[in-house]
């Protein structure tokens, strides 16, 4: 191991300790704000990547959107069919004959 590796390991270890100390000393609402900020940053980065992808590959994006719409439509039809069958089965079922207690 050379000195550069040794320094790198020490820096990573120190950064981990600092991060743990900050997490322990921050109130819960501050951690929620940090998590919310991280989520907003992830959404912004994701939208930027998606926008770049759509600009470079509009045909692939159109096919992906059409496929997602088709899947949504098929799932909706299946759910409606299942609801109709469930309603039909509950109406057409026959009750068992009454028992005679004599």
N, C-alpha and C. Protein backbone atom coordinates (compact mmCIF):
# COMPACT_ATOMS: atom_id res chain seq x y z
N UNK A 1 0.82 -1.17 0.00
CA UNK A 1 0.00 0.00 0.00
C UNK A 1 0.88 1.25 0.00
N UNK A 2 0.55 2.16 -0.85
CA UNK A 2 1.32 3.40 -0.86
C UNK A 2 0.60 4.47 -0.03
N UNK A 3 1.20 5.61 0.09
CA UNK A 3 0.64 6.66 0.94
C UNK A 3 -0.68 7.19 0.41
N UNK A 4 -0.86 7.21 -0.92
CA UNK A 4 -2.11 7.71 -1.50
C UNK A 4 -3.28 6.82 -1.09
N UNK A 5 -3.09 5.51 -1.14
CA UNK A 5 -4.15 4.60 -0.70
C UNK A 5 -4.44 4.79 0.77
N UNK A 6 -3.41 4.98 1.55
CA UNK A 6 -3.57 5.17 2.99
C UNK A 6 -4.39 6.44 3.26
N UNK A 7 -4.07 7.53 2.56
CA UNK A 7 -4.81 8.79 2.73
C UNK A 7 -6.26 8.63 2.29
N UNK A 8 -6.46 7.94 1.18
CA UNK A 8 -7.82 7.75 0.67
C UNK A 8 -8.66 6.99 1.69
N UNK A 9 -8.11 5.94 2.25
CA UNK A 9 -8.86 5.17 3.25
C UNK A 9 -9.18 6.01 4.47
N UNK A 10 -8.23 6.83 4.89
CA UNK A 10 -8.45 7.67 6.06
C UNK A 10 -9.52 8.73 5.78
N UNK A 11 -9.51 9.30 4.59
CA UNK A 11 -10.51 10.32 4.22
C UNK A 11 -11.90 9.69 4.17
N UNK A 12 -12.02 8.51 3.58
CA UNK A 12 -13.32 7.85 3.50
C UNK A 12 -13.82 7.52 4.89
N UNK A 13 -12.95 7.03 5.74
CA UNK A 13 -13.32 6.70 7.12
C UNK A 13 -13.77 7.95 7.87
N UNK A 14 -13.03 9.03 7.71
CA UNK A 14 -13.36 10.29 8.38
C UNK A 14 -14.69 10.85 7.87
N UNK A 15 -14.93 10.76 6.57
CA UNK A 15 -16.19 11.24 6.00
C UNK A 15 -17.37 10.44 6.55
N UNK A 16 -17.18 9.14 6.70
CA UNK A 16 -18.24 8.31 7.28
C UNK A 16 -18.54 8.70 8.71
N UNK A 17 -17.50 8.95 9.49
CA UNK A 17 -17.70 9.35 10.88
C UNK A 17 -18.40 10.71 10.98
N UNK A 18 -18.03 11.64 10.13
CA UNK A 18 -18.67 12.96 10.12
C UNK A 18 -20.14 12.82 9.74
N UNK A 19 -20.43 12.02 8.74
CA UNK A 19 -21.81 11.83 8.33
C UNK A 19 -22.65 11.22 9.43
N UNK A 20 -22.10 10.23 10.14
CA UNK A 20 -22.83 9.62 11.26
C UNK A 20 -23.06 10.62 12.38
N UNK A 21 -22.06 11.44 12.66
CA UNK A 21 -22.21 12.43 13.73
C UNK A 21 -23.27 13.47 13.36
N UNK A 22 -23.31 13.88 12.10
CA UNK A 22 -24.31 14.86 11.67
C UNK A 22 -25.70 14.25 11.77
N UNK A 23 -25.86 13.00 11.38
CA UNK A 23 -27.17 12.35 11.45
C UNK A 23 -27.66 12.23 12.88
N UNK A 24 -26.74 11.96 13.80
CA UNK A 24 -27.14 11.80 15.20
C UNK A 24 -27.56 13.13 15.82
N UNK A 25 -26.95 14.22 15.41
CA UNK A 25 -27.19 15.50 16.07
C UNK A 25 -28.28 16.34 15.41
N UNK A 26 -28.70 15.97 14.22
CA UNK A 26 -29.76 16.73 13.55
C UNK A 26 -31.11 16.29 14.09
N UNK A 27 -32.03 17.22 14.29
CA UNK A 27 -33.39 16.83 14.67
C UNK A 27 -34.08 16.09 13.53
N UNK A 28 -35.16 15.39 13.87
CA UNK A 28 -35.88 14.58 12.88
C UNK A 28 -36.41 15.43 11.72
N UNK A 29 -36.94 16.62 12.03
CA UNK A 29 -37.50 17.43 10.95
C UNK A 29 -36.42 17.91 9.99
N UNK A 30 -35.20 18.09 10.48
CA UNK A 30 -34.11 18.50 9.58
C UNK A 30 -33.75 17.35 8.64
N UNK A 31 -33.76 16.12 9.17
CA UNK A 31 -33.47 14.97 8.30
C UNK A 31 -34.55 14.82 7.23
N UNK A 32 -35.79 15.09 7.61
CA UNK A 32 -36.86 15.00 6.61
C UNK A 32 -36.67 16.04 5.52
N UNK A 33 -36.21 17.24 5.88
CA UNK A 33 -35.94 18.28 4.87
C UNK A 33 -34.81 17.84 3.95
N UNK A 34 -33.79 17.22 4.53
CA UNK A 34 -32.66 16.75 3.71
C UNK A 34 -33.12 15.66 2.76
N UNK A 35 -33.95 14.72 3.26
CA UNK A 35 -34.46 13.65 2.41
C UNK A 35 -35.34 14.21 1.30
N UNK A 36 -36.15 15.21 1.64
CA UNK A 36 -37.01 15.84 0.63
C UNK A 36 -36.16 16.54 -0.43
N UNK A 37 -35.11 17.23 0.00
CA UNK A 37 -34.22 17.88 -0.96
C UNK A 37 -33.53 16.88 -1.86
N UNK A 38 -33.15 15.73 -1.30
CA UNK A 38 -32.52 14.69 -2.12
C UNK A 38 -33.52 14.14 -3.13
N UNK A 39 -34.77 13.97 -2.72
CA UNK A 39 -35.79 13.47 -3.64
C UNK A 39 -36.06 14.47 -4.76
N UNK A 40 -36.12 15.75 -4.41
CA UNK A 40 -36.34 16.78 -5.44
C UNK A 40 -35.16 16.81 -6.41
N UNK A 41 -33.95 16.69 -5.88
CA UNK A 41 -32.77 16.65 -6.75
C UNK A 41 -32.79 15.45 -7.68
N UNK A 42 -33.25 14.30 -7.17
CA UNK A 42 -33.33 13.10 -8.01
C UNK A 42 -34.36 13.28 -9.13
N UNK A 43 -35.48 13.90 -8.80
CA UNK A 43 -36.52 14.14 -9.81
C UNK A 43 -36.01 15.10 -10.88
N UNK A 44 -35.32 16.16 -10.45
CA UNK A 44 -34.79 17.13 -11.42
C UNK A 44 -33.77 16.47 -12.34
N UNK A 45 -32.88 15.67 -11.76
CA UNK A 45 -31.87 15.00 -12.57
C UNK A 45 -32.51 14.00 -13.52
N UNK A 46 -33.49 13.25 -13.01
CA UNK A 46 -34.18 12.27 -13.86
C UNK A 46 -34.92 12.92 -15.01
N UNK A 47 -35.56 14.05 -14.74
CA UNK A 47 -36.28 14.74 -15.82
C UNK A 47 -35.31 15.29 -16.85
N UNK A 48 -34.16 15.76 -16.40
CA UNK A 48 -33.15 16.27 -17.34
C UNK A 48 -32.65 15.13 -18.24
N UNK A 49 -32.40 13.97 -17.65
CA UNK A 49 -31.93 12.82 -18.43
C UNK A 49 -33.02 12.38 -19.41
N UNK A 50 -34.27 12.34 -18.95
CA UNK A 50 -35.36 11.93 -19.82
C UNK A 50 -35.54 12.91 -20.99
N UNK A 51 -35.44 14.19 -20.69
CA UNK A 51 -35.58 15.20 -21.75
C UNK A 51 -34.48 15.03 -22.80
N UNK A 52 -33.26 14.79 -22.36
CA UNK A 52 -32.15 14.60 -23.30
C UNK A 52 -32.38 13.34 -24.14
N UNK A 53 -32.86 12.27 -23.49
CA UNK A 53 -33.12 11.02 -24.21
C UNK A 53 -34.20 11.22 -25.26
N UNK A 54 -35.27 11.92 -24.90
CA UNK A 54 -36.37 12.14 -25.85
C UNK A 54 -35.91 13.01 -27.02
N UNK A 55 -35.07 14.00 -26.76
CA UNK A 55 -34.57 14.84 -27.85
C UNK A 55 -33.71 14.05 -28.82
N UNK A 56 -32.94 13.12 -28.29
CA UNK A 56 -32.06 12.33 -29.16
C UNK A 56 -32.76 11.16 -29.82
N UNK A 57 -33.77 10.59 -29.17
CA UNK A 57 -34.45 9.39 -29.68
C UNK A 57 -35.97 9.58 -29.62
N UNK A 58 -36.54 10.44 -30.45
CA UNK A 58 -37.98 10.67 -30.36
C UNK A 58 -38.82 9.45 -30.75
N UNK A 59 -38.34 8.64 -31.67
CA UNK A 59 -39.12 7.47 -32.10
C UNK A 59 -39.22 6.45 -30.97
N UNK A 60 -38.12 6.21 -30.29
CA UNK A 60 -38.14 5.25 -29.18
C UNK A 60 -39.04 5.75 -28.06
N UNK A 61 -39.00 7.03 -27.81
CA UNK A 61 -39.86 7.61 -26.77
C UNK A 61 -41.34 7.46 -27.14
N UNK A 62 -41.66 7.69 -28.39
CA UNK A 62 -43.06 7.57 -28.84
C UNK A 62 -43.54 6.13 -28.71
N UNK A 63 -42.70 5.19 -29.08
CA UNK A 63 -43.07 3.77 -28.97
C UNK A 63 -43.24 3.38 -27.50
N UNK A 64 -42.37 3.87 -26.64
CA UNK A 64 -42.47 3.56 -25.21
C UNK A 64 -43.76 4.12 -24.62
N UNK A 65 -44.12 5.33 -25.00
CA UNK A 65 -45.36 5.94 -24.49
C UNK A 65 -46.57 5.18 -25.02
N UNK A 66 -46.54 4.80 -26.28
CA UNK A 66 -47.66 4.03 -26.85
C UNK A 66 -47.79 2.67 -26.16
N UNK A 67 -46.67 2.04 -25.88
CA UNK A 67 -46.70 0.75 -25.18
C UNK A 67 -47.24 0.88 -23.77
N UNK A 68 -46.85 1.93 -23.08
CA UNK A 68 -47.36 2.15 -21.73
C UNK A 68 -48.88 2.39 -21.76
N UNK A 69 -49.34 3.15 -22.75
CA UNK A 69 -50.77 3.38 -22.88
C UNK A 69 -51.53 2.10 -23.19
N UNK A 70 -50.96 1.26 -24.02
CA UNK A 70 -51.59 -0.01 -24.34
C UNK A 70 -51.67 -0.92 -23.12
N UNK A 71 -50.61 -0.95 -22.33
CA UNK A 71 -50.64 -1.75 -21.11
C UNK A 71 -51.68 -1.23 -20.13
N UNK A 72 -51.78 0.10 -20.00
CA UNK A 72 -52.78 0.68 -19.12
C UNK A 72 -54.19 0.32 -19.59
N UNK A 73 -54.42 0.41 -20.89
CA UNK A 73 -55.74 0.10 -21.45
C UNK A 73 -56.09 -1.38 -21.22
N UNK A 74 -55.14 -2.28 -21.43
CA UNK A 74 -55.39 -3.70 -21.22
C UNK A 74 -55.68 -3.99 -19.74
N UNK A 75 -54.95 -3.37 -18.84
CA UNK A 75 -55.19 -3.59 -17.42
C UNK A 75 -56.56 -3.06 -17.01
N UNK A 76 -56.96 -1.94 -17.58
CA UNK A 76 -58.27 -1.36 -17.27
C UNK A 76 -59.40 -2.26 -17.77
N UNK A 77 -59.25 -2.78 -18.98
CA UNK A 77 -60.27 -3.70 -19.51
C UNK A 77 -60.37 -4.96 -18.69
N UNK A 78 -59.22 -5.48 -18.29
CA UNK A 78 -59.22 -6.71 -17.48
C UNK A 78 -59.90 -6.47 -16.14
N UNK A 79 -59.63 -5.32 -15.52
CA UNK A 79 -60.25 -5.01 -14.24
C UNK A 79 -61.76 -4.89 -14.38
N UNK A 80 -62.21 -4.25 -15.45
CA UNK A 80 -63.65 -4.13 -15.67
C UNK A 80 -64.29 -5.49 -15.90
N UNK A 81 -63.61 -6.35 -16.68
CA UNK A 81 -64.15 -7.68 -16.96
C UNK A 81 -64.23 -8.49 -15.67
N UNK A 82 -63.23 -8.37 -14.82
CA UNK A 82 -63.23 -9.09 -13.55
C UNK A 82 -64.35 -8.60 -12.65
N UNK A 83 -64.60 -7.28 -12.65
CA UNK A 83 -65.68 -6.72 -11.84
C UNK A 83 -67.04 -7.21 -12.34
N UNK A 84 -67.23 -7.25 -13.64
CA UNK A 84 -68.50 -7.70 -14.21
C UNK A 84 -68.71 -9.17 -13.90
N UNK A 85 -67.67 -9.99 -14.02
CA UNK A 85 -67.81 -11.42 -13.72
C UNK A 85 -68.12 -11.63 -12.24
N UNK A 86 -67.48 -10.87 -11.38
CA UNK A 86 -67.74 -11.01 -9.95
C UNK A 86 -69.17 -10.61 -9.63
N UNK A 87 -69.66 -9.55 -10.26
CA UNK A 87 -71.04 -9.12 -10.03
C UNK A 87 -72.01 -10.14 -10.59
N UNK A 88 -71.70 -10.70 -11.75
CA UNK A 88 -72.57 -11.70 -12.36
C UNK A 88 -72.63 -12.97 -11.54
N UNK A 89 -71.52 -13.40 -10.99
CA UNK A 89 -71.50 -14.62 -10.20
C UNK A 89 -72.30 -14.45 -8.91
N UNK A 90 -72.26 -13.29 -8.32
CA UNK A 90 -72.99 -13.10 -7.07
C UNK A 90 -74.50 -13.07 -7.31
N UNK A 91 -74.93 -12.66 -8.49
CA UNK A 91 -76.36 -12.58 -8.78
C UNK A 91 -76.89 -13.93 -9.22
N UNK A 92 -76.15 -14.67 -10.02
CA UNK A 92 -76.67 -15.91 -10.60
C UNK A 92 -76.46 -17.12 -9.71
N UNK A 93 -75.76 -17.00 -8.61
CA UNK A 93 -75.57 -18.16 -7.74
C UNK A 93 -76.90 -18.54 -7.13
N UNK A 94 -77.07 -19.82 -6.99
CA UNK A 94 -78.31 -20.30 -6.40
C UNK A 94 -78.07 -20.58 -4.93
N UNK A 95 -79.03 -20.27 -4.15
CA UNK A 95 -78.95 -20.52 -2.72
C UNK A 95 -79.18 -21.99 -2.46
N UNK A 96 -78.54 -22.56 -1.45
CA UNK A 96 -78.79 -23.97 -1.15
C UNK A 96 -80.21 -24.15 -0.64
N UNK A 97 -80.73 -25.35 -0.82
CA UNK A 97 -82.12 -25.58 -0.35
C UNK A 97 -82.18 -25.44 1.17
N UNK A 98 -83.32 -24.95 1.66
CA UNK A 98 -83.44 -24.76 3.11
C UNK A 98 -83.42 -26.11 3.83
N UNK A 99 -82.80 -26.13 4.95
CA UNK A 99 -82.76 -27.41 5.70
C UNK A 99 -84.02 -27.55 6.50
N UNK A 100 -84.46 -28.75 6.65
CA UNK A 100 -85.70 -29.02 7.37
C UNK A 100 -85.34 -29.54 8.76
N UNK A 101 -85.79 -28.86 9.72
CA UNK A 101 -85.51 -29.25 11.10
C UNK A 101 -86.75 -29.89 11.70
N UNK A 102 -87.14 -31.06 11.23
CA UNK A 102 -88.31 -31.71 11.79
C UNK A 102 -87.96 -33.01 12.43
